[in-house]
Amino acid sequence: MRVAIATLGCKVNQYDTAVMERLFHGKGWQRVGFDDAADAYVINSCTVTDRADADARRMARRARRNNPDSRVVMTGCYAQTSPQAVSRLDYVDYVVGLGRLPDLLSAVAGEATAPVSVSDLRREDTVRTLGISSFPGRTRAFVKIQEGCDLFCSFCIIPVARGRSRSVQPRQVLEEIERLAARGYREVVLTGVHLGGYGRDLDPVCDLPWLLEAISERGPALRVRISSLDPPEISQRLLDIVAADSRFCRHFHIPLQAGDDTVLDNMRRQYDTLSARRAIEMIRERIDDVCLGTDLITGFPGETEEQHENGLRFVRDLGLSYLHVFPYSQRSSTSAAKRWQPLADQVVHERAAGARALDRELRSRFLSSFVGKSGKALIETARDARTGLLKGYTDNYLPIVTEGPDHLMNSLVEVRMTGVANGKVEARVA
């Protein structure tokens, strides 16, 4: 059987797709491109914004056009949070919630007994989508160590979609990293819905620094990147562990979401700008040449122009390396949607444009600061589409391009940075 998969959204979704692909392969099914004629199309959806929902519907319509006789299966966060709405779409045959892998296999095979299969993940206490030994199509592999979230920020629907926070046993995490290293991967990215919540639900209780120490002691032959941590989760102990082992990448993504205390309070974030600044300063004091990125939501309901400017000023003063900018998108079941009227779309998107201009400024400044320096880059298995050069990333997340032969792909290469062009660092193999 020929199966096509479209993956929308975050690293956790990409990991879940890798698990699906492993199961499909075990059935003897062949994965094909999404524009190919397939017997079944699976859309692993996201629901973090209205646009994400629309993207999932668009992919489902596209699947039906590709093969009108195929089965179209919607899974992922959109399927989990809006199963009845999705089931009413005439171009979707089956709706399967998160973690229901047996039902997903039945739906893909056309053997499901019901068109909708979704359970309440707030009652779930284990991580069910787990276990990979490869990550098809990628030079670096994602390793899911945690699922769900208990924070309930006022703008976010993900705790409803993914359920309560639950962690993968350390032994399983270590075994998966070693399997990936044995398969030739040179970098893994530790990922989760709320990575900083790792270990609190385990018996015995542990935390992310404990897991990083265990990884360091096992000494895998690859780099380890940490995907995302909130400011309160940055501790001196965690930084000491990262600084002491060169396998850990000098890269922290700290999703601030806003840079004004009133807005942060309305978002129900667990910190203010002062504690966020202290966390950033603590990282810089301990780790040289570190890359520091953030997420920023623009146009949060009730945000004034002054508060928006406060946020941009705060982010600029921090001297971050890059921003991921998200125009606010109302999710009907969140407390923000129930409490405040959204701002006009034009205001939201104008503020997003200003934040993206700041992102370009910060990226340019960060990349330019490394010209003349050296570092190790993991060369990817595909060349840069525009230039035909080899491309890759250093441990501190510098995107580099360099001349060189194909045999350097999927290897860590010492490079010297010589310039910046088109958002990438030009480098020469040392």
Protein backbone atom coordinates (compact mmCIF):
# COMPACT_ATOMS: atom_id res chain seq x y z
CA MET A 1 0.00 0.00 0.00
CA ARG A 2 1.17 3.51 -0.86
CA VAL A 3 0.85 6.11 1.92
CA ALA A 4 1.60 9.84 1.78
CA ILE A 5 2.12 11.98 4.91
CA ALA A 6 2.01 15.76 5.34
CA THR A 7 3.43 17.13 8.59
CA LEU A 8 2.40 20.58 9.82
CA GLY A 9 3.65 22.42 12.88
CA CYS A 10 6.28 21.78 15.50
CA LYS A 11 9.18 19.41 16.14
CA VAL A 12 6.92 17.17 18.25
CA ASN A 13 4.68 16.64 15.23
CA GLN A 14 7.71 15.84 13.10
CA TYR A 15 8.78 13.26 15.66
CA ASP A 16 5.27 11.75 15.69
CA THR A 17 5.42 11.45 11.89
CA ALA A 18 8.71 9.54 12.19
CA VAL A 19 6.94 7.09 14.54
CA MET A 20 4.09 6.71 12.03
CA GLU A 21 6.54 6.05 9.24
CA ARG A 22 8.23 3.33 11.30
CA LEU A 23 4.85 1.64 11.87
CA PHE A 24 3.89 1.93 8.19
CA HIS A 25 7.22 0.44 7.17
CA GLY A 26 6.63 -2.44 9.58
CA LYS A 27 3.37 -3.16 7.76
CA GLY A 28 5.20 -3.26 4.47
CA TRP A 29 3.58 -0.04 3.27
CA GLN A 30 5.49 2.36 1.04
CA ARG A 31 5.70 6.07 1.78
CA VAL A 32 5.29 8.24 -1.31
CA GLY A 33 5.29 11.97 -1.96
CA PHE A 34 2.16 13.91 -1.10
CA ASP A 35 1.57 14.88 -4.72
CA ASP A 36 1.83 11.26 -5.85
CA ALA A 37 -1.13 8.92 -6.25
CA ALA A 38 -1.49 7.16 -2.90
CA ASP A 39 -3.95 4.72 -1.37
CA ALA A 40 -4.07 6.82 1.80
CA TYR A 41 -3.06 10.36 2.77
CA VAL A 42 -2.30 11.26 6.38
CA ILE A 43 -2.31 14.91 7.50
CA ASN A 44 -0.49 15.31 10.83
CA SER A 45 -2.04 18.66 11.71
CA CYS A 46 -1.27 21.66 13.90
CA THR A 47 -3.83 23.93 15.58
CA VAL A 48 -1.73 26.64 17.20
CA THR A 49 -3.34 29.31 14.93
CA ASP A 50 -6.34 29.72 12.62
CA ARG A 51 -3.93 29.57 9.73
CA ALA A 52 -2.64 26.18 10.92
CA ASP A 53 -6.21 24.82 10.85
CA ALA A 54 -6.69 26.24 7.36
CA ASP A 55 -3.42 24.67 6.20
CA ALA A 56 -4.61 21.27 7.41
CA ARG A 57 -7.88 21.61 5.52
CA ARG A 58 -6.01 22.75 2.41
CA MET A 59 -3.76 19.68 2.54
CA ALA A 60 -6.79 17.40 2.93
CA ARG A 61 -8.46 18.94 -0.14
CA ARG A 62 -5.22 18.56 -2.04
CA ALA A 63 -5.06 14.87 -1.08
CA ARG A 64 -8.58 14.30 -2.35
CA ARG A 65 -7.70 15.96 -5.67
CA ASN A 66 -4.55 13.83 -5.99
CA ASN A 67 -6.60 10.63 -5.78
CA PRO A 68 -10.39 10.89 -5.38
CA ASP A 69 -10.56 7.19 -4.45
CA SER A 70 -8.01 7.39 -1.65
CA ARG A 71 -8.55 7.48 2.13
CA VAL A 72 -7.83 10.85 3.74
CA VAL A 73 -6.95 10.66 7.44
CA MET A 74 -6.64 13.74 9.66
CA THR A 75 -4.59 13.33 12.84
CA GLY A 76 -2.53 15.65 15.05
CA CYS A 77 -3.61 18.62 17.16
CA TYR A 78 -6.41 19.94 14.90
CA ALA A 79 -7.99 16.48 14.81
CA GLN A 80 -7.64 16.22 18.59
CA THR A 81 -9.25 19.57 19.45
CA SER A 82 -11.94 19.80 16.73
CA PRO A 83 -12.86 16.21 15.83
CA GLN A 84 -16.51 16.84 15.01
CA ALA A 85 -15.79 19.89 12.86
CA VAL A 86 -13.11 17.96 10.96
CA SER A 87 -15.37 14.92 10.53
CA ARG A 88 -17.96 17.11 8.77
CA LEU A 89 -15.47 17.96 6.01
CA ASP A 90 -16.56 15.95 2.99
CA TYR A 91 -12.96 15.45 1.87
CA VAL A 92 -11.83 13.79 5.16
CA ASP A 93 -12.66 10.11 5.74
CA TYR A 94 -11.21 9.47 9.21
CA VAL A 95 -10.33 11.64 12.21
CA VAL A 96 -7.82 10.09 14.62
CA GLY A 97 -6.65 11.81 17.81
CA LEU A 98 -3.15 11.95 19.22
CA GLY A 99 -1.57 8.80 20.60
CA ARG A 100 -4.13 6.42 19.07
CA LEU A 101 -1.68 4.55 16.86
CA PRO A 102 -3.69 1.29 16.46
CA ASP A 103 -6.71 3.32 15.32
CA LEU A 104 -4.50 5.30 12.95
CA LEU A 105 -3.22 2.10 11.34
CA SER A 106 -6.80 0.85 10.94
CA ALA A 107 -7.91 4.13 9.37
CA VAL A 108 -5.01 4.18 6.92
CA ALA A 109 -5.80 0.58 5.94
CA GLY A 110 -9.50 1.41 5.52
CA GLU A 111 -10.47 -0.99 8.30
CA ALA A 112 -11.54 1.49 11.01
CA THR A 113 -14.88 0.76 12.66
CA ALA A 114 -15.70 4.44 13.30
CA PRO A 115 -14.92 7.64 11.38
CA VAL A 116 -13.81 9.47 14.57
CA SER A 117 -11.41 8.11 17.21
CA VAL A 118 -10.37 10.69 19.81
CA SER A 119 -9.80 10.38 23.57
CA ASP A 120 -9.38 12.88 26.45
CA LEU A 121 -5.62 13.37 26.80
CA ARG A 122 -5.99 15.25 30.10
CA ARG A 123 -6.49 11.78 31.61
CA GLU A 124 -3.44 10.32 29.88
CA ASP A 125 -0.36 9.62 32.02
CA THR A 126 2.10 8.11 29.54
CA VAL A 127 3.70 9.06 26.22
CA ARG A 128 2.32 6.67 23.62
CA THR A 129 3.82 8.00 20.38
CA LEU A 130 7.39 6.92 20.91
CA GLY A 131 10.29 4.94 19.55
CA ILE A 132 12.36 5.75 16.46
CA SER A 133 15.72 4.60 15.16
CA SER A 134 15.83 6.90 12.13
CA PHE A 135 14.49 10.26 11.03
CA PRO A 136 13.92 10.04 7.28
CA GLY A 137 14.94 13.04 5.21
CA ARG A 138 16.81 14.87 7.99
CA THR A 139 20.45 15.23 8.96
CA ARG A 140 19.56 15.80 12.62
CA ALA A 141 16.97 13.76 14.49
CA PHE A 142 14.42 14.92 17.04
CA VAL A 143 14.05 12.97 20.27
CA LYS A 144 10.76 13.48 22.12
CA ILE A 145 11.42 13.39 25.85
CA GLN A 146 8.18 14.99 27.08
CA GLU A 147 4.57 15.45 26.00
CA GLY A 148 1.75 17.77 27.09
CA CYS A 149 1.69 20.93 29.22
CA ASP A 150 0.21 22.08 32.54
CA LEU A 151 0.89 25.82 32.25
CA PHE A 152 -2.30 26.96 30.45
CA CYS A 153 -1.03 30.29 29.14
CA SER A 154 -4.08 32.39 28.31
CA PHE A 155 -3.46 32.37 24.52
CA CYS A 156 -2.56 28.71 24.08
CA ILE A 157 -4.73 25.75 23.11
CA ILE A 158 -1.92 23.19 23.22
CA PRO A 159 -2.62 21.89 26.79
CA VAL A 160 -6.08 20.97 25.49
CA ALA A 161 -4.64 19.37 22.37
CA ARG A 162 -1.71 17.51 23.93
CA GLY A 163 -2.95 16.78 27.43
CA ARG A 164 -1.16 17.08 30.75
CA SER A 165 2.61 17.04 31.07
CA ARG A 166 4.13 13.57 31.01
CA SER A 167 7.72 12.46 30.56
CA VAL A 168 9.59 9.67 28.80
CA GLN A 169 11.60 7.43 31.12
CA PRO A 170 15.31 8.38 31.10
CA ARG A 171 16.33 4.87 30.07
CA GLN A 172 14.16 5.11 26.94
CA VAL A 173 15.59 8.52 26.08
CA LEU A 174 19.18 7.28 26.41
CA GLU A 175 18.48 4.15 24.37
CA GLU A 176 16.88 6.19 21.58
CA ILE A 177 19.83 8.60 21.41
CA GLU A 178 22.24 5.66 21.20
CA ARG A 179 20.16 4.00 18.44
CA LEU A 180 20.26 7.21 16.43
CA ALA A 181 24.02 7.60 16.97
CA ALA A 182 24.52 4.01 15.79
CA ARG A 183 22.53 4.83 12.64
CA GLY A 184 24.97 7.64 11.82
CA TYR A 185 23.17 10.73 13.09
CA ARG A 186 25.56 13.44 14.26
CA GLU A 187 23.02 15.57 16.14
CA VAL A 188 19.79 15.07 18.08
CA VAL A 189 17.40 17.76 19.27
CA LEU A 190 15.70 17.13 22.62
CA THR A 191 12.12 18.24 22.15
CA GLY A 192 8.80 18.34 23.95
CA VAL A 193 5.70 20.46 24.37
CA HIS A 194 7.02 21.85 27.67
CA LEU A 195 10.61 20.68 27.86
CA GLY A 196 11.27 22.38 31.18
CA GLY A 197 8.55 20.25 32.80
CA TYR A 198 10.52 17.09 32.15
CA GLY A 199 10.68 14.54 34.97
CA ARG A 200 8.22 16.03 37.46
CA ASP A 201 5.72 13.24 36.86
CA LEU A 202 8.26 10.39 37.03
CA ASP A 203 8.93 8.11 39.99
CA PRO A 204 11.50 8.87 41.23
CA VAL A 205 11.12 12.54 40.30
CA CYS A 206 13.95 14.03 38.23
CA ASP A 207 14.43 17.08 36.00
CA LEU A 208 16.02 18.18 32.74
CA PRO A 209 19.49 18.89 34.25
CA TRP A 210 19.47 15.36 35.70
CA LEU A 211 18.71 13.95 32.24
CA LEU A 212 21.46 16.06 30.64
CA GLU A 213 23.94 14.73 33.21
CA ALA A 214 22.89 11.18 32.35
CA ILE A 215 23.35 11.87 28.63
CA SER A 216 26.78 13.38 29.29
CA GLU A 217 27.84 10.34 31.34
CA ARG A 218 26.80 7.95 28.56
CA GLY A 219 28.91 10.01 26.14
CA PRO A 220 27.01 9.57 22.85
CA ALA A 221 29.01 10.22 19.69
CA LEU A 222 26.85 13.13 18.54
CA ARG A 223 25.80 16.68 19.38
CA VAL A 224 22.78 17.33 21.60
CA ARG A 225 20.64 20.45 21.10
CA ILE A 226 18.00 21.62 23.58
CA SER A 227 14.92 22.89 21.76
CA SER A 228 13.08 25.36 24.03
CA LEU A 229 13.09 26.50 27.69
CA ASP A 230 11.22 29.22 29.57
CA PRO A 231 13.22 31.77 31.63
CA PRO A 232 12.41 30.18 35.05
CA GLU A 233 13.84 26.89 33.78
CA ILE A 234 17.32 28.33 33.21
CA SER A 235 19.39 27.37 36.26
CA GLN A 236 23.07 27.62 37.09
CA ARG A 237 23.18 23.83 37.38
CA LEU A 238 21.79 23.38 33.86
CA LEU A 239 24.25 25.89 32.43
CA ASP A 240 27.20 24.27 34.21
CA ILE A 241 26.30 20.91 32.67
CA VAL A 242 25.96 22.38 29.16
CA ALA A 243 29.18 24.39 29.48
CA ALA A 244 31.20 21.39 30.71
CA ASP A 245 30.43 19.09 27.74
CA SER A 246 31.10 20.21 24.17
CA ARG A 247 28.48 17.74 22.93
CA PHE A 248 25.78 20.15 24.15
CA CYS A 249 25.10 22.91 21.63
CA ARG A 250 25.61 26.56 22.60
CA HIS A 251 22.08 27.43 21.61
CA PHE A 252 19.07 28.32 23.78
CA HIS A 253 15.60 29.13 22.50
CA ILE A 254 13.78 31.11 25.21
CA PRO A 255 10.14 31.74 24.14
CA LEU A 256 9.47 35.09 25.85
CA GLN A 257 6.27 35.73 23.81
CA ALA A 258 6.24 39.40 24.95
CA GLY A 259 8.55 42.03 26.41
CA ASP A 260 6.11 44.07 28.51
CA ASP A 261 5.14 43.09 32.06
CA THR A 262 1.43 43.87 31.70
CA VAL A 263 1.18 41.80 28.53
CA LEU A 264 3.15 38.94 30.11
CA ASP A 265 0.78 38.98 33.07
CA ASN A 266 -2.25 38.90 30.77
CA MET A 267 -0.67 36.03 28.88
CA ARG A 268 -0.33 34.22 32.23
CA ARG A 269 3.36 33.61 31.70
CA GLN A 270 5.35 32.55 34.75
CA TYR A 271 7.89 35.39 34.74
CA ASP A 272 8.36 39.12 34.20
CA THR A 273 10.87 41.06 32.11
CA LEU A 274 13.33 41.38 35.01
CA SER A 275 13.56 37.61 35.57
CA ALA A 276 13.74 37.04 31.80
CA ARG A 277 16.65 39.49 31.55
CA ARG A 278 18.43 37.75 34.43
CA ALA A 279 18.05 34.37 32.73
CA ILE A 280 19.52 35.70 29.48
CA GLU A 281 22.40 37.37 31.33
CA MET A 282 23.10 34.15 33.26
CA ILE A 283 23.41 32.21 30.01
CA ARG A 284 25.76 34.77 28.47
CA GLU A 285 27.97 34.88 31.57
CA ARG A 286 28.43 31.10 31.51
CA ILE A 287 28.58 30.24 27.79
CA ASP A 288 30.65 32.12 25.20
CA ASP A 289 29.34 32.87 21.70
CA VAL A 290 25.93 31.46 22.61
CA CYS A 291 22.96 31.76 20.26
CA LEU A 292 19.83 33.09 21.99
CA GLY A 293 16.51 33.09 20.16
CA THR A 294 12.92 33.73 21.18
CA ASP A 295 9.27 33.58 20.12
CA LEU A 296 7.29 36.82 20.02
CA ILE A 297 3.50 37.17 19.73
CA THR A 298 2.38 40.48 18.26
CA GLY A 299 -1.04 42.08 18.71
CA PHE A 300 -2.10 40.23 21.87
CA PRO A 301 -5.65 41.37 22.85
CA GLY A 302 -5.56 44.61 24.79
CA GLU A 303 -1.92 45.31 23.93
CA THR A 304 -1.41 49.05 23.48
CA GLU A 305 0.99 50.61 21.01
CA GLU A 306 3.15 51.65 23.95
CA GLN A 307 3.28 48.09 25.29
CA HIS A 308 4.19 46.79 21.84
CA GLU A 309 7.04 49.30 21.58
CA ASN A 310 8.15 48.40 25.12
CA GLY A 311 8.40 44.79 23.98
CA LEU A 312 10.46 45.54 20.89
CA ARG A 313 12.75 47.81 22.92
CA PHE A 314 13.21 45.09 25.53
CA VAL A 315 14.08 42.46 22.92
CA ARG A 316 16.49 44.81 21.14
CA ASP A 317 18.23 45.68 24.42
CA LEU A 318 18.68 41.98 25.19
CA GLY A 319 20.63 41.63 21.94
CA LEU A 320 19.05 38.31 21.02
CA SER A 321 20.22 36.36 17.98
CA TYR A 322 16.87 35.92 16.22
CA LEU A 323 13.09 36.14 16.67
CA HIS A 324 10.28 33.84 15.59
CA VAL A 325 7.33 36.23 15.12
CA PHE A 326 3.70 35.07 15.42
CA PRO A 327 0.76 37.42 14.81
CA TYR A 328 -1.80 36.69 17.54
CA SER A 329 -4.45 34.19 16.43
CA GLN A 330 -7.51 33.72 18.61
CA ARG A 331 -8.32 30.20 19.77
CA SER A 332 -11.95 30.03 20.92
CA SER A 333 -11.43 27.76 23.95
CA THR A 334 -8.61 29.81 25.52
CA SER A 335 -9.10 32.28 28.36
CA ALA A 336 -7.70 35.15 26.26
CA ALA A 337 -10.44 34.62 23.68
CA LYS A 338 -13.11 34.57 26.39
CA ARG A 339 -11.79 37.64 28.21
CA TRP A 340 -10.73 40.12 25.51
CA GLN A 341 -11.77 41.23 22.06
CA PRO A 342 -8.98 40.76 19.51
CA LEU A 343 -7.24 43.74 17.98
CA ALA A 344 -7.90 44.68 14.37
CA ASP A 345 -6.11 42.36 11.92
CA GLN A 346 -4.33 45.30 10.33
CA VAL A 347 -2.86 46.34 13.70
CA VAL A 348 -1.77 42.78 14.49
CA HIS A 349 -0.01 42.35 11.16
CA GLU A 350 1.58 45.79 11.15
CA ARG A 351 3.11 45.01 14.53
CA ALA A 352 4.28 41.64 13.21
CA ALA A 353 5.98 43.41 10.30
CA GLY A 354 7.83 45.67 12.74
CA ALA A 355 8.94 42.69 14.80
CA ARG A 356 10.18 40.88 11.68
CA ALA A 357 12.21 43.93 10.73
CA LEU A 358 13.82 43.74 14.17
CA ASP A 359 14.46 40.02 13.60
CA ARG A 360 16.37 40.79 10.40
CA GLU A 361 18.44 43.38 12.24
CA LEU A 362 19.27 40.99 15.09
CA ARG A 363 20.13 38.09 12.77
CA SER A 364 22.43 40.26 10.66
CA ARG A 365 24.23 41.57 13.74
CA PHE A 366 24.66 38.09 15.22
CA LEU A 367 25.93 36.47 12.02
CA SER A 368 28.33 39.32 11.25
CA SER A 369 29.92 39.04 14.70
CA PHE A 370 31.42 35.67 13.74
CA VAL A 371 33.22 36.69 10.56
CA GLY A 372 36.89 35.75 11.02
CA LYS A 373 36.12 33.11 13.64
CA SER A 374 36.22 29.32 13.37
CA GLY A 375 33.81 26.61 14.46
CA LYS A 376 32.45 23.15 13.69
CA ALA A 377 29.47 22.81 11.38
CA LEU A 378 27.32 19.77 10.77
CA ILE A 379 27.05 19.54 6.98
CA GLU A 380 23.58 18.56 5.81
CA THR A 381 22.77 15.88 3.24
CA ALA A 382 21.36 18.32 0.66
CA ARG A 383 23.08 21.30 -0.92
CA ASP A 384 21.88 24.89 -0.72
CA ALA A 385 19.21 25.27 -3.41
CA ARG A 386 20.25 28.79 -4.45
CA THR A 387 24.03 28.42 -4.63
CA GLY A 388 24.67 24.69 -4.91
CA LEU A 389 27.12 24.99 -1.99
CA LEU A 390 27.27 22.66 0.98
CA LYS A 391 25.15 23.94 3.87
CA GLY A 392 24.94 23.25 7.57
CA TYR A 393 24.79 24.64 11.09
CA THR A 394 27.37 25.24 13.77
CA ASP A 395 26.58 24.21 17.34
CA ASN A 396 25.58 27.82 18.07
CA TYR A 397 23.11 27.74 15.18
CA LEU A 398 25.00 29.72 12.57
CA PRO A 399 23.66 28.74 9.11
CA ILE A 400 26.76 28.30 6.93
CA VAL A 401 27.45 27.63 3.26
CA THR A 402 30.79 26.42 1.97
CA GLU A 403 32.44 24.85 -1.05
CA GLY A 404 33.30 21.20 -0.74
CA PRO A 405 32.71 17.63 -1.97
CA ASP A 406 29.68 15.49 -1.20
CA HIS A 407 31.62 13.17 1.10
CA LEU A 408 31.60 15.94 3.74
CA MET A 409 27.82 15.58 4.09
CA ASN A 410 26.57 14.34 7.47
CA SER A 411 29.90 15.08 9.12
CA LEU A 412 31.18 17.67 11.56
CA VAL A 413 33.62 19.91 9.72
CA GLU A 414 35.88 22.67 11.02
CA VAL A 415 35.15 25.86 9.11
CA ARG A 416 36.34 29.45 9.15
CA MET A 417 33.70 32.15 8.66
CA THR A 418 34.62 34.64 5.93
CA GLY A 419 31.49 36.75 5.29
CA VAL A 420 27.70 37.04 5.39
CA ALA A 421 25.34 36.97 2.42
CA ASN A 422 21.63 36.22 1.98
CA GLY A 423 21.11 35.40 5.64
CA LYS A 424 23.89 32.82 5.80
CA VAL A 425 27.51 32.81 6.90
CA GLU A 426 29.95 32.14 4.08
CA ALA A 427 32.66 29.79 5.29
CA ARG A 428 35.73 27.92 4.17
CA VAL A 429 36.60 24.39 5.25
CA ALA A 430 39.61 24.72 7.52
